[in-house]
Amino acid sequence: MEQAKKHDRKIMITDIAIDKVPLVEVPGLTRDECEMIACEHKHLLRTAKDSNNSDEVSIIIKL
């Protein structure tokens, strides 16, 4: 977490960070929907890492 507070340099996305994406239980969503969001989050980070030099990317999903 300390790394994320430093704004003087870019933080590269790693496979370890991708593997650590937690399952967040969002009120009003089913467990399956929450698992799908976590999966999409991992996919988004992998895309940023592999195809965008760890720069920001965005995604729109329909639940």
PDB file of N, CA and C in Angstrom:
ATOM      1  N   MET A   1       0.822  -1.190   0.000  1.00  0.00           N
ATOM      2  CA  MET A   1       0.000   0.000   0.000  1.00  0.00           C
ATOM      3  C   MET A   1       0.870   1.259   0.000  1.00  0.00           C
ATOM      4  N   GLU A   2       1.990   1.177   0.644  1.00  0.00           N
ATOM      5  CA  GLU A   2       2.889   2.328   0.684  1.00  0.00           C
ATOM      6  C   GLU A   2       3.304   2.744  -0.721  1.00  0.00           C
ATOM      7  N   GLN A   3       3.497   1.739  -1.609  1.00  0.00           N
ATOM      8  CA  GLN A   3       3.875   2.026  -2.982  1.00  0.00           C
ATOM      9  C   GLN A   3       2.822   2.865  -3.686  1.00  0.00           C
ATOM     10  N   ALA A   4       1.572   2.577  -3.436  1.00  0.00           N
ATOM     11  CA  ALA A   4       0.486   3.275  -4.113  1.00  0.00           C
ATOM     12  C   ALA A   4       0.424   4.748  -3.728  1.00  0.00           C
ATOM     13  N   LYS A   5       0.995   5.119  -2.605  1.00  0.00           N
ATOM     14  CA  LYS A   5       0.956   6.504  -2.146  1.00  0.00           C
ATOM     15  C   LYS A   5       2.016   7.368  -2.817  1.00  0.00           C
ATOM     16  N   LYS A   6       2.987   6.742  -3.469  1.00  0.00           N
ATOM     17  CA  LYS A   6       4.057   7.488  -4.109  1.00  0.00           C
ATOM     18  C   LYS A   6       3.616   7.865  -5.522  1.00  0.00           C
ATOM     19  N   HIS A   7       3.511   9.152  -5.770  1.00  0.00           N
ATOM     20  CA  HIS A   7       3.054   9.627  -7.067  1.00  0.00           C
ATOM     21  C   HIS A   7       4.201  10.133  -7.929  1.00  0.00           C
ATOM     22  N   ASP A   8       5.434   9.909  -7.484  1.00  0.00           N
ATOM     23  CA  ASP A   8       6.571  10.417  -8.230  1.00  0.00           C
ATOM     24  C   ASP A   8       7.052   9.450  -9.305  1.00  0.00           C
ATOM     25  N   ARG A   9       6.479   8.243  -9.346  1.00  0.00           N
ATOM     26  CA  ARG A   9       6.870   7.286 -10.370  1.00  0.00           C
ATOM     27  C   ARG A   9       5.717   6.330 -10.652  1.00  0.00           C
ATOM     28  N   LYS A  10       5.781   5.753 -11.809  1.00  0.00           N
ATOM     29  CA  LYS A  10       4.745   4.828 -12.249  1.00  0.00           C
ATOM     30  C   LYS A  10       4.894   3.490 -11.516  1.00  0.00           C
ATOM     31  N   ILE A  11       3.774   2.912 -11.120  1.00  0.00           N
ATOM     32  CA  ILE A  11       3.765   1.592 -10.499  1.00  0.00           C
ATOM     33  C   ILE A  11       3.339   0.594 -11.571  1.00  0.00           C
ATOM     34  N   MET A  12       4.210  -0.348 -11.881  1.00  0.00           N
ATOM     35  CA  MET A  12       3.908  -1.350 -12.897  1.00  0.00           C
ATOM     36  C   MET A  12       2.989  -2.423 -12.317  1.00  0.00           C
ATOM     37  N   ILE A  13       2.063  -2.891 -13.124  1.00  0.00           N
ATOM     38  CA  ILE A  13       1.148  -3.953 -12.722  1.00  0.00           C
ATOM     39  C   ILE A  13       1.896  -5.275 -12.833  1.00  0.00           C
ATOM     40  N   THR A  14       1.778  -6.108 -11.811  1.00  0.00           N
ATOM     41  CA  THR A  14       2.452  -7.407 -11.801  1.00  0.00           C
ATOM     42  C   THR A  14       1.433  -8.535 -11.759  1.00  0.00           C
ATOM     43  N   ASP A  15       1.883  -9.730 -12.111  1.00  0.00           N
ATOM     44  CA  ASP A  15       1.015 -10.904 -12.011  1.00  0.00           C
ATOM     45  C   ASP A  15       0.593 -11.134 -10.568  1.00  0.00           C
ATOM     46  N   ILE A  16       1.475 -10.838  -9.634  1.00  0.00           N
ATOM     47  CA  ILE A  16       1.149 -10.993  -8.208  1.00  0.00           C
ATOM     48  C   ILE A  16       0.000 -10.075  -7.830  1.00  0.00           C
ATOM     49  N   ALA A  17       0.042  -8.823  -8.284  1.00  0.00           N
ATOM     50  CA  ALA A  17      -1.038  -7.875  -7.990  1.00  0.00           C
ATOM     51  C   ALA A  17      -2.351  -8.359  -8.599  1.00  0.00           C
ATOM     52  N   ILE A  18      -2.285  -8.878  -9.808  1.00  0.00           N
ATOM     53  CA  ILE A  18      -3.488  -9.378 -10.473  1.00  0.00           C
ATOM     54  C   ILE A  18      -4.068 -10.548  -9.685  1.00  0.00           C
ATOM     55  N   ASP A  19      -3.207 -11.448  -9.235  1.00  0.00           N
ATOM     56  CA  ASP A  19      -3.668 -12.611  -8.462  1.00  0.00           C
ATOM     57  C   ASP A  19      -4.286 -12.217  -7.126  1.00  0.00           C
ATOM     58  N   LYS A  20      -3.930 -11.049  -6.623  1.00  0.00           N
ATOM     59  CA  LYS A  20      -4.429 -10.599  -5.316  1.00  0.00           C
ATOM     60  C   LYS A  20      -5.743  -9.815  -5.389  1.00  0.00           C
ATOM     61  N   VAL A  21      -6.326  -9.700  -6.574  1.00  0.00           N
ATOM     62  CA  VAL A  21      -7.605  -8.983  -6.678  1.00  0.00           C
ATOM     63  C   VAL A  21      -8.628  -9.715  -5.808  1.00  0.00           C
ATOM     64  N   PRO A  22      -9.211  -9.013  -4.836  1.00  0.00           N
ATOM     65  CA  PRO A  22     -10.135  -9.683  -3.915  1.00  0.00           C
ATOM     66  C   PRO A  22     -11.547  -9.791  -4.489  1.00  0.00           C
ATOM     67  N   LEU A  23     -12.291 -10.705  -3.914  1.00  0.00           N
ATOM     68  CA  LEU A  23     -13.717 -10.787  -4.212  1.00  0.00           C
ATOM     69  C   LEU A  23     -14.410  -9.817  -3.268  1.00  0.00           C
ATOM     70  N   VAL A  24     -15.066  -8.816  -3.831  1.00  0.00           N
ATOM     71  CA  VAL A  24     -15.772  -7.819  -3.033  1.00  0.00           C
ATOM     72  C   VAL A  24     -17.258  -8.135  -3.104  1.00  0.00           C
ATOM     73  N   GLU A  25     -17.876  -8.317  -1.957  1.00  0.00           N
ATOM     74  CA  GLU A  25     -19.303  -8.600  -1.918  1.00  0.00           C
ATOM     75  C   GLU A  25     -20.066  -7.281  -1.885  1.00  0.00           C
ATOM     76  N   VAL A  26     -20.660  -6.940  -3.014  1.00  0.00           N
ATOM     77  CA  VAL A  26     -21.380  -5.684  -3.170  1.00  0.00           C
ATOM     78  C   VAL A  26     -22.840  -5.903  -2.771  1.00  0.00           C
ATOM     79  N   PRO A  27     -23.345  -5.104  -1.835  1.00  0.00           N
ATOM     80  CA  PRO A  27     -24.751  -5.258  -1.443  1.00  0.00           C
ATOM     81  C   PRO A  27     -25.679  -5.127  -2.658  1.00  0.00           C
ATOM     82  N   GLY A  28     -26.621  -6.043  -2.766  1.00  0.00           N
ATOM     83  CA  GLY A  28     -27.569  -6.003  -3.866  1.00  0.00           C
ATOM     84  C   GLY A  28     -27.164  -6.838  -5.067  1.00  0.00           C
ATOM     85  N   LEU A  29     -25.919  -7.325  -5.080  1.00  0.00           N
ATOM     86  CA  LEU A  29     -25.459  -8.180  -6.167  1.00  0.00           C
ATOM     87  C   LEU A  29     -25.330  -9.613  -5.666  1.00  0.00           C
ATOM     88  N   THR A  30     -25.521 -10.559  -6.569  1.00  0.00           N
ATOM     89  CA  THR A  30     -25.356 -11.964  -6.205  1.00  0.00           C
ATOM     90  C   THR A  30     -23.865 -12.290  -6.130  1.00  0.00           C
ATOM     91  N   ARG A  31     -23.565 -13.414  -5.525  1.00  0.00           N
ATOM     92  CA  ARG A  31     -22.167 -13.854  -5.451  1.00  0.00           C
ATOM     93  C   ARG A  31     -21.615 -14.070  -6.866  1.00  0.00           C
ATOM     94  N   ASP A  32     -22.432 -14.631  -7.748  1.00  0.00           N
ATOM     95  CA  ASP A  32     -21.987 -14.847  -9.129  1.00  0.00           C
ATOM     96  C   ASP A  32     -21.634 -13.527  -9.810  1.00  0.00           C
ATOM     97  N   GLU A  33     -22.440 -12.499  -9.582  1.00  0.00           N
ATOM     98  CA  GLU A  33     -22.158 -11.190 -10.167  1.00  0.00           C
ATOM     99  C   GLU A  33     -20.861 -10.611  -9.595  1.00  0.00           C
ATOM    100  N   CYS A  34     -20.651 -10.782  -8.294  1.00  0.00           N
ATOM    101  CA  CYS A  34     -19.420 -10.287  -7.663  1.00  0.00           C
ATOM    102  C   CYS A  34     -18.202 -11.035  -8.195  1.00  0.00           C
ATOM    103  N   GLU A  35     -18.340 -12.340  -8.396  1.00  0.00           N
ATOM    104  CA  GLU A  35     -17.238 -13.133  -8.952  1.00  0.00           C
ATOM    105  C   GLU A  35     -16.937 -12.708 -10.386  1.00  0.00           C
ATOM    106  N   MET A  36     -17.986 -12.398 -11.152  1.00  0.00           N
ATOM    107  CA  MET A  36     -17.797 -11.938 -12.525  1.00  0.00           C
ATOM    108  C   MET A  36     -17.052 -10.600 -12.546  1.00  0.00           C
ATOM    109  N   ILE A  37     -17.394  -9.714 -11.622  1.00  0.00           N
ATOM    110  CA  ILE A  37     -16.714  -8.416 -11.545  1.00  0.00           C
ATOM    111  C   ILE A  37     -15.241  -8.609 -11.203  1.00  0.00           C
ATOM    112  N   ALA A  38     -14.946  -9.486 -10.244  1.00  0.00           N
ATOM    113  CA  ALA A  38     -13.551  -9.752  -9.879  1.00  0.00           C
ATOM    114  C   ALA A  38     -12.787 -10.328 -11.072  1.00  0.00           C
ATOM    115  N   CYS A  39     -13.417 -11.215 -11.813  1.00  0.00           N
ATOM    116  CA  CYS A  39     -12.792 -11.804 -12.997  1.00  0.00           C
ATOM    117  C   CYS A  39     -12.523 -10.729 -14.048  1.00  0.00           C
ATOM    118  N   GLU A  40     -13.495  -9.853 -14.273  1.00  0.00           N
ATOM    119  CA  GLU A  40     -13.312  -8.762 -15.237  1.00  0.00           C
ATOM    120  C   GLU A  40     -12.230  -7.792 -14.775  1.00  0.00           C
ATOM    121  N   HIS A  41     -12.143  -7.569 -13.469  1.00  0.00           N
ATOM    122  CA  HIS A  41     -11.102  -6.697 -12.912  1.00  0.00           C
ATOM    123  C   HIS A  41      -9.720  -7.279 -13.223  1.00  0.00           C
ATOM    124  N   LYS A  42      -9.570  -8.584 -13.018  1.00  0.00           N
ATOM    125  CA  LYS A  42      -8.294  -9.242 -13.328  1.00  0.00           C
ATOM    126  C   LYS A  42      -7.972  -9.137 -14.815  1.00  0.00           C
ATOM    127  N   HIS A  43      -8.992  -9.345 -15.640  1.00  0.00           N
ATOM    128  CA  HIS A  43      -8.796  -9.252 -17.092  1.00  0.00           C
ATOM    129  C   HIS A  43      -8.379  -7.829 -17.488  1.00  0.00           C
ATOM    130  N   LEU A  44      -8.999  -6.845 -16.869  1.00  0.00           N
ATOM    131  CA  LEU A  44      -8.677  -5.446 -17.137  1.00  0.00           C
ATOM    132  C   LEU A  44      -7.224  -5.133 -16.764  1.00  0.00           C
ATOM    133  N   LEU A  45      -6.816  -5.594 -15.583  1.00  0.00           N
ATOM    134  CA  LEU A  45      -5.432  -5.361 -15.158  1.00  0.00           C
ATOM    135  C   LEU A  45      -4.446  -6.071 -16.081  1.00  0.00           C
ATOM    136  N   ARG A  46      -4.778  -7.295 -16.500  1.00  0.00           N
ATOM    137  CA  ARG A  46      -3.889  -8.039 -17.395  1.00  0.00           C
ATOM    138  C   ARG A  46      -3.780  -7.314 -18.740  1.00  0.00           C
ATOM    139  N   THR A  47      -4.885  -6.779 -19.235  1.00  0.00           N
ATOM    140  CA  THR A  47      -4.857  -6.011 -20.485  1.00  0.00           C
ATOM    141  C   THR A  47      -3.971  -4.779 -20.335  1.00  0.00           C
ATOM    142  N   ALA A  48      -4.127  -4.058 -19.228  1.00  0.00           N
ATOM    143  CA  ALA A  48      -3.298  -2.869 -18.989  1.00  0.00           C
ATOM    144  C   ALA A  48      -1.820  -3.257 -18.930  1.00  0.00           C
ATOM    145  N   LYS A  49      -1.532  -4.347 -18.233  1.00  0.00           N
ATOM    146  CA  LYS A  49      -0.142  -4.799 -18.077  1.00  0.00           C
ATOM    147  C   LYS A  49       0.458  -5.239 -19.413  1.00  0.00           C
ATOM    148  N   ASP A  50      -0.268  -6.086 -20.138  1.00  0.00           N
ATOM    149  CA  ASP A  50       0.288  -6.714 -21.338  1.00  0.00           C
ATOM    150  C   ASP A  50       0.185  -5.854 -22.591  1.00  0.00           C
ATOM    151  N   SER A  51      -0.838  -5.018 -22.674  1.00  0.00           N
ATOM    152  CA  SER A  51      -1.093  -4.306 -23.924  1.00  0.00           C
ATOM    153  C   SER A  51      -1.009  -2.789 -23.814  1.00  0.00           C
ATOM    154  N   ASN A  52      -0.845  -2.263 -22.599  1.00  0.00           N
ATOM    155  CA  ASN A  52      -0.871  -0.809 -22.448  1.00  0.00           C
ATOM    156  C   ASN A  52       0.215  -0.294 -21.509  1.00  0.00           C
ATOM    157  N   ASN A  53       1.308  -1.042 -21.384  1.00  0.00           N
ATOM    158  CA  ASN A  53       2.452  -0.607 -20.582  1.00  0.00           C
ATOM    159  C   ASN A  53       2.057  -0.224 -19.150  1.00  0.00           C
ATOM    160  N   SER A  54       1.092  -0.949 -18.596  1.00  0.00           N
ATOM    161  CA  SER A  54       0.595  -0.711 -17.228  1.00  0.00           C
ATOM    162  C   SER A  54      -0.052   0.660 -17.054  1.00  0.00           C
ATOM    163  N   ASP A  55      -0.446   1.283 -18.159  1.00  0.00           N
ATOM    164  CA  ASP A  55      -1.163   2.548 -18.070  1.00  0.00           C
ATOM    165  C   ASP A  55      -2.653   2.278 -17.852  1.00  0.00           C
ATOM    166  N   GLU A  56      -3.377   3.330 -17.544  1.00  0.00           N
ATOM    167  CA  GLU A  56      -4.797   3.194 -17.245  1.00  0.00           C
ATOM    168  C   GLU A  56      -5.586   2.696 -18.446  1.00  0.00           C
ATOM    169  N   VAL A  57      -6.551   1.859 -18.157  1.00  0.00           N
ATOM    170  CA  VAL A  57      -7.524   1.386 -19.136  1.00  0.00           C
ATOM    171  C   VAL A  57      -8.887   1.398 -18.449  1.00  0.00           C
ATOM    172  N   SER A  58      -9.936   1.276 -19.228  1.00  0.00           N
ATOM    173  CA  SER A  58     -11.274   1.237 -18.621  1.00  0.00           C
ATOM    174  C   SER A  58     -12.102   0.162 -19.304  1.00  0.00           C
ATOM    175  N   ILE A  59     -13.187  -0.178 -18.636  1.00  0.00           N
ATOM    176  CA  ILE A  59     -14.081  -1.199 -19.157  1.00  0.00           C
ATOM    177  C   ILE A  59     -15.499  -0.849 -18.722  1.00  0.00           C
ATOM    178  N   ILE A  60     -16.455  -1.226 -19.540  1.00  0.00           N
ATOM    179  CA  ILE A  60     -17.860  -1.097 -19.185  1.00  0.00           C
ATOM    180  C   ILE A  60     -18.438  -2.499 -19.220  1.00  0.00           C
ATOM    181  N   ILE A  61     -19.100  -2.894 -18.140  1.00  0.00           N
ATOM    182  CA  ILE A  61     -19.724  -4.216 -18.114  1.00  0.00           C
ATOM    183  C   ILE A  61     -21.203  -4.069 -17.802  1.00  0.00           C
ATOM    184  N   LYS A  62     -21.979  -4.989 -18.309  1.00  0.00           N
ATOM    185  CA  LYS A  62     -23.398  -5.005 -18.037  1.00  0.00           C
ATOM    186  C   LYS A  62     -23.682  -6.176 -17.096  1.00  0.00           C
ATOM    187  N   LEU A  63     -24.317  -5.877 -15.985  1.00  0.00           N
ATOM    188  CA  LEU A  63     -24.619  -6.933 -15.012  1.00  0.00           C
ATOM    189  C   LEU A  63     -25.924  -7.611 -15.350  1.00  0.00           C
TER     190      LEU A  63
END
